[in-house]
């Protein structure tokens, strides 16, 4: 069920709709605010908008890398499953041929 939440990121009030629980949304807001604040503190010429955009770029990059890792892991798991099935069939075949001798 989607819920509407009022959040504040970098002193900007937003109303968002999410199917995630409120504590999850709040934890994301806290991470974004911390990251934006850190960027502003480390670079005095960085505006809140600049920091928010850099934060978005960083998080999108991390998400893209994580999705790629997931696809690679899924491919590895699929390959392992196929190899395991082949090994089981081979074992049954060997056992069957031994009983026929």
N, C-alpha and C. Protein backbone atom coordinates (compact mmCIF):
# COMPACT_ATOMS: atom_id res chain seq x y z
N UNK A 1 0.85 -1.18 0.00
CA UNK A 1 0.00 0.00 0.00
C UNK A 1 0.90 1.24 0.00
N UNK A 2 0.67 2.12 -0.92
CA UNK A 2 1.47 3.34 -1.01
C UNK A 2 1.02 4.33 0.06
N UNK A 3 2.02 4.94 0.66
CA UNK A 3 1.77 5.96 1.68
C UNK A 3 2.41 7.27 1.26
N UNK A 4 1.84 8.36 1.71
CA UNK A 4 2.41 9.69 1.44
C UNK A 4 3.21 10.11 2.66
N UNK A 5 4.43 10.57 2.42
CA UNK A 5 5.31 11.03 3.50
C UNK A 5 5.76 12.45 3.21
N UNK A 6 5.82 13.26 4.24
CA UNK A 6 6.39 14.60 4.14
C UNK A 6 7.83 14.50 4.65
N UNK A 7 8.76 14.82 3.76
CA UNK A 7 10.17 14.71 4.11
C UNK A 7 10.85 16.05 3.87
N UNK A 8 12.07 16.18 4.40
CA UNK A 8 12.86 17.38 4.20
C UNK A 8 14.27 16.97 3.83
N UNK A 9 14.70 17.41 2.65
CA UNK A 9 16.06 17.15 2.19
C UNK A 9 16.70 18.49 1.90
N UNK A 10 17.80 18.77 2.58
CA UNK A 10 18.53 20.03 2.42
C UNK A 10 17.62 21.24 2.57
N UNK A 11 16.82 21.22 3.61
CA UNK A 11 15.90 22.32 3.93
C UNK A 11 14.80 22.51 2.89
N UNK A 12 14.57 21.53 2.07
CA UNK A 12 13.50 21.59 1.08
C UNK A 12 12.43 20.58 1.47
N UNK A 13 11.21 21.06 1.64
CA UNK A 13 10.09 20.20 2.02
C UNK A 13 9.56 19.49 0.78
N UNK A 14 9.38 18.20 0.90
CA UNK A 14 8.85 17.40 -0.20
C UNK A 14 7.77 16.47 0.32
N UNK A 15 6.83 16.17 -0.54
CA UNK A 15 5.84 15.15 -0.24
C UNK A 15 6.08 14.02 -1.23
N UNK A 16 6.34 12.83 -0.70
CA UNK A 16 6.63 11.69 -1.57
C UNK A 16 5.64 10.56 -1.29
N UNK A 17 5.46 9.72 -2.30
CA UNK A 17 4.60 8.55 -2.16
C UNK A 17 5.48 7.33 -2.33
N UNK A 18 5.37 6.39 -1.39
CA UNK A 18 6.21 5.19 -1.43
C UNK A 18 5.44 4.01 -0.86
N UNK A 19 5.80 2.82 -1.33
CA UNK A 19 5.21 1.61 -0.75
C UNK A 19 6.13 1.04 0.32
N UNK A 20 7.18 1.77 0.64
CA UNK A 20 8.09 1.37 1.71
C UNK A 20 7.59 1.92 3.05
N UNK A 21 7.95 1.27 4.16
CA UNK A 21 7.54 1.77 5.47
C UNK A 21 8.23 3.10 5.80
N UNK A 22 7.63 3.83 6.71
CA UNK A 22 8.12 5.17 7.06
C UNK A 22 9.56 5.14 7.56
N UNK A 23 9.92 4.15 8.37
CA UNK A 23 11.29 4.10 8.90
C UNK A 23 12.31 3.91 7.77
N UNK A 24 11.95 3.18 6.72
CA UNK A 24 12.84 3.01 5.58
C UNK A 24 13.02 4.33 4.85
N UNK A 25 11.91 5.02 4.59
CA UNK A 25 11.96 6.32 3.91
C UNK A 25 12.81 7.30 4.73
N UNK A 26 12.59 7.33 6.04
CA UNK A 26 13.35 8.23 6.90
C UNK A 26 14.84 7.89 6.90
N UNK A 27 15.18 6.62 6.84
CA UNK A 27 16.60 6.24 6.83
C UNK A 27 17.26 6.70 5.53
N UNK A 28 16.53 6.64 4.42
CA UNK A 28 17.06 7.12 3.14
C UNK A 28 17.24 8.63 3.19
N UNK A 29 16.26 9.33 3.73
CA UNK A 29 16.35 10.78 3.86
C UNK A 29 17.56 11.16 4.70
N UNK A 30 17.78 10.46 5.81
CA UNK A 30 18.94 10.74 6.67
C UNK A 30 20.25 10.54 5.92
N UNK A 31 20.34 9.46 5.13
CA UNK A 31 21.56 9.21 4.36
C UNK A 31 21.81 10.32 3.34
N UNK A 32 20.75 10.72 2.65
CA UNK A 32 20.90 11.78 1.64
C UNK A 32 21.31 13.09 2.31
N UNK A 33 20.64 13.45 3.41
CA UNK A 33 20.98 14.69 4.11
C UNK A 33 22.41 14.67 4.61
N UNK A 34 22.85 13.54 5.14
CA UNK A 34 24.23 13.43 5.63
C UNK A 34 25.22 13.59 4.48
N UNK A 35 24.93 12.95 3.36
CA UNK A 35 25.82 13.02 2.20
C UNK A 35 25.87 14.44 1.64
N UNK A 36 24.73 15.08 1.50
CA UNK A 36 24.68 16.45 0.99
C UNK A 36 25.44 17.39 1.93
N UNK A 37 25.20 17.26 3.23
CA UNK A 37 25.89 18.10 4.22
C UNK A 37 27.40 17.89 4.15
N UNK A 38 27.82 16.65 4.02
CA UNK A 38 29.25 16.34 3.93
C UNK A 38 29.87 17.00 2.70
N UNK A 39 29.18 16.92 1.56
CA UNK A 39 29.70 17.54 0.34
C UNK A 39 29.82 19.05 0.49
N UNK A 40 28.83 19.68 1.14
CA UNK A 40 28.85 21.14 1.33
C UNK A 40 29.98 21.54 2.29
N UNK A 41 30.17 20.76 3.35
CA UNK A 41 31.22 21.07 4.32
C UNK A 41 32.60 20.94 3.69
N UNK A 42 32.79 19.88 2.88
CA UNK A 42 34.10 19.65 2.27
C UNK A 42 34.42 20.63 1.15
N UNK A 43 33.39 21.20 0.52
CA UNK A 43 33.61 22.12 -0.57
C UNK A 43 32.69 23.33 -0.38
N UNK A 44 33.25 24.39 0.14
CA UNK A 44 32.45 25.58 0.48
C UNK A 44 31.79 26.22 -0.75
N UNK A 45 32.31 25.98 -1.94
CA UNK A 45 31.72 26.55 -3.16
C UNK A 45 30.59 25.67 -3.70
N UNK A 46 30.35 24.55 -3.08
CA UNK A 46 29.31 23.62 -3.53
C UNK A 46 27.96 24.06 -2.95
N UNK A 47 27.03 24.36 -3.83
CA UNK A 47 25.69 24.75 -3.38
C UNK A 47 24.91 23.50 -2.96
N UNK A 48 23.78 23.71 -2.33
CA UNK A 48 22.92 22.58 -1.96
C UNK A 48 22.46 21.82 -3.19
N UNK A 49 22.14 22.58 -4.25
CA UNK A 49 21.71 21.92 -5.49
C UNK A 49 22.84 21.11 -6.09
N UNK A 50 24.05 21.70 -6.13
CA UNK A 50 25.21 20.96 -6.64
C UNK A 50 25.41 19.68 -5.84
N UNK A 51 25.35 19.81 -4.52
CA UNK A 51 25.58 18.65 -3.64
C UNK A 51 24.50 17.60 -3.85
N UNK A 52 23.25 18.03 -4.00
CA UNK A 52 22.16 17.08 -4.23
C UNK A 52 22.34 16.34 -5.56
N UNK A 53 22.75 17.07 -6.58
CA UNK A 53 22.98 16.44 -7.89
C UNK A 53 24.16 15.47 -7.84
N UNK A 54 25.24 15.86 -7.16
CA UNK A 54 26.39 14.96 -7.01
C UNK A 54 25.99 13.71 -6.23
N UNK A 55 25.17 13.91 -5.22
CA UNK A 55 24.66 12.79 -4.42
C UNK A 55 23.84 11.85 -5.31
N UNK A 56 22.97 12.41 -6.13
CA UNK A 56 22.15 11.60 -7.04
C UNK A 56 23.04 10.83 -8.01
N UNK A 57 24.06 11.49 -8.56
CA UNK A 57 24.98 10.81 -9.47
C UNK A 57 25.70 9.65 -8.78
N UNK A 58 26.18 9.91 -7.56
CA UNK A 58 26.86 8.85 -6.80
C UNK A 58 25.95 7.66 -6.55
N UNK A 59 24.73 7.95 -6.06
CA UNK A 59 23.81 6.85 -5.75
C UNK A 59 23.36 6.10 -6.99
N UNK A 60 23.16 6.81 -8.10
CA UNK A 60 22.79 6.13 -9.35
C UNK A 60 23.94 5.25 -9.84
N UNK A 61 25.14 5.75 -9.71
CA UNK A 61 26.31 4.95 -10.09
C UNK A 61 26.43 3.70 -9.24
N UNK A 62 26.24 3.85 -7.93
CA UNK A 62 26.30 2.70 -7.04
C UNK A 62 25.20 1.69 -7.37
N UNK A 63 24.02 2.19 -7.67
CA UNK A 63 22.89 1.32 -8.01
C UNK A 63 23.17 0.56 -9.30
N UNK A 64 23.71 1.24 -10.30
CA UNK A 64 24.04 0.60 -11.57
C UNK A 64 25.09 -0.49 -11.37
N UNK A 65 26.11 -0.20 -10.58
CA UNK A 65 27.15 -1.20 -10.30
C UNK A 65 26.56 -2.40 -9.54
N UNK A 66 25.69 -2.13 -8.58
CA UNK A 66 25.07 -3.21 -7.81
C UNK A 66 24.19 -4.09 -8.70
N UNK A 67 23.44 -3.46 -9.62
CA UNK A 67 22.61 -4.23 -10.55
C UNK A 67 23.47 -5.14 -11.43
N UNK A 68 24.61 -4.62 -11.88
CA UNK A 68 25.53 -5.41 -12.70
C UNK A 68 26.07 -6.59 -11.90
N UNK A 69 26.46 -6.34 -10.64
CA UNK A 69 26.96 -7.43 -9.78
C UNK A 69 25.88 -8.48 -9.58
N UNK A 70 24.64 -8.05 -9.39
CA UNK A 70 23.53 -8.99 -9.20
C UNK A 70 23.35 -9.86 -10.44
N UNK A 71 23.37 -9.23 -11.62
CA UNK A 71 23.22 -10.00 -12.87
C UNK A 71 24.35 -11.01 -13.02
N UNK A 72 25.58 -10.59 -12.68
CA UNK A 72 26.71 -11.52 -12.77
C UNK A 72 26.56 -12.68 -11.79
N UNK A 73 26.13 -12.38 -10.58
CA UNK A 73 25.93 -13.44 -9.58
C UNK A 73 24.81 -14.39 -10.00
N UNK A 74 23.73 -13.83 -10.56
CA UNK A 74 22.64 -14.68 -11.04
C UNK A 74 23.12 -15.61 -12.15
N UNK A 75 23.96 -15.09 -13.03
CA UNK A 75 24.50 -15.91 -14.12
C UNK A 75 25.40 -17.01 -13.56
N UNK A 76 26.21 -16.67 -12.56
CA UNK A 76 27.08 -17.67 -11.93
C UNK A 76 26.26 -18.76 -11.24
N UNK A 77 25.20 -18.35 -10.56
CA UNK A 77 24.34 -19.32 -9.87
C UNK A 77 23.67 -20.23 -10.88
N UNK A 78 23.17 -19.66 -11.97
CA UNK A 78 22.54 -20.49 -13.01
C UNK A 78 23.52 -21.49 -13.58
N UNK A 79 24.75 -21.06 -13.80
CA UNK A 79 25.77 -21.95 -14.33
C UNK A 79 26.09 -23.05 -13.31
N UNK A 80 26.17 -22.71 -12.05
CA UNK A 80 26.45 -23.70 -11.01
C UNK A 80 25.31 -24.72 -10.92
N UNK A 81 24.08 -24.25 -11.05
CA UNK A 81 22.93 -25.16 -11.01
C UNK A 81 23.01 -26.14 -12.17
N UNK A 82 23.31 -25.64 -13.37
CA UNK A 82 23.44 -26.52 -14.53
C UNK A 82 24.56 -27.53 -14.35
N UNK A 83 25.69 -27.09 -13.83
CA UNK A 83 26.82 -28.00 -13.60
C UNK A 83 26.47 -29.06 -12.55
N UNK A 84 25.75 -28.65 -11.52
CA UNK A 84 25.33 -29.59 -10.48
C UNK A 84 24.38 -30.63 -11.05
N UNK A 85 23.42 -30.19 -11.85
CA UNK A 85 22.49 -31.13 -12.49
C UNK A 85 23.23 -32.10 -13.40
N UNK A 86 24.18 -31.58 -14.15
CA UNK A 86 24.97 -32.44 -15.04
C UNK A 86 25.75 -33.47 -14.23
N UNK A 87 26.34 -33.03 -13.13
CA UNK A 87 27.12 -33.94 -12.28
C UNK A 87 26.23 -35.03 -11.69
N UNK A 88 25.04 -34.68 -11.27
CA UNK A 88 24.11 -35.66 -10.71
C UNK A 88 23.70 -36.67 -11.78
N UNK A 89 23.39 -36.18 -12.98
CA UNK A 89 23.03 -37.09 -14.07
C UNK A 89 24.19 -38.00 -14.43
N UNK A 90 25.38 -37.47 -14.43
CA UNK A 90 26.57 -38.27 -14.72
C UNK A 90 26.77 -39.35 -13.65
N UNK A 91 26.57 -39.00 -12.40
CA UNK A 91 26.71 -39.98 -11.32
C UNK A 91 25.68 -41.09 -11.47
N UNK A 92 24.43 -40.74 -11.76
CA UNK A 92 23.40 -41.76 -11.96
C UNK A 92 23.74 -42.64 -13.15
N UNK A 93 24.26 -42.04 -14.19
CA UNK A 93 24.63 -42.80 -15.37
C UNK A 93 25.75 -43.79 -15.07
N UNK A 94 26.72 -43.34 -14.31
CA UNK A 94 27.85 -44.23 -13.93
C UNK A 94 27.33 -45.35 -13.04
N UNK A 95 26.49 -45.04 -12.08
CA UNK A 95 25.94 -46.06 -11.20
C UNK A 95 25.11 -47.07 -11.99
N UNK A 96 24.34 -46.58 -12.91
CA UNK A 96 23.50 -47.46 -13.73
C UNK A 96 24.36 -48.37 -14.58
N UNK A 97 25.43 -47.85 -15.16
CA UNK A 97 26.29 -48.69 -16.00
C UNK A 97 27.03 -49.72 -15.17
N UNK A 98 27.36 -49.41 -13.92
CA UNK A 98 28.02 -50.38 -13.03
C UNK A 98 27.09 -51.52 -12.67
N UNK A 99 25.82 -51.22 -12.46
CA UNK A 99 24.86 -52.27 -12.09
C UNK A 99 24.56 -53.18 -13.28
N UNK A 100 24.77 -52.68 -14.49
CA UNK A 100 24.51 -53.49 -15.68
C UNK A 100 25.66 -54.45 -15.95
N UNK A 101 26.85 -54.18 -15.38
CA UNK A 101 28.01 -55.05 -15.60
C UNK A 101 27.92 -56.28 -14.79
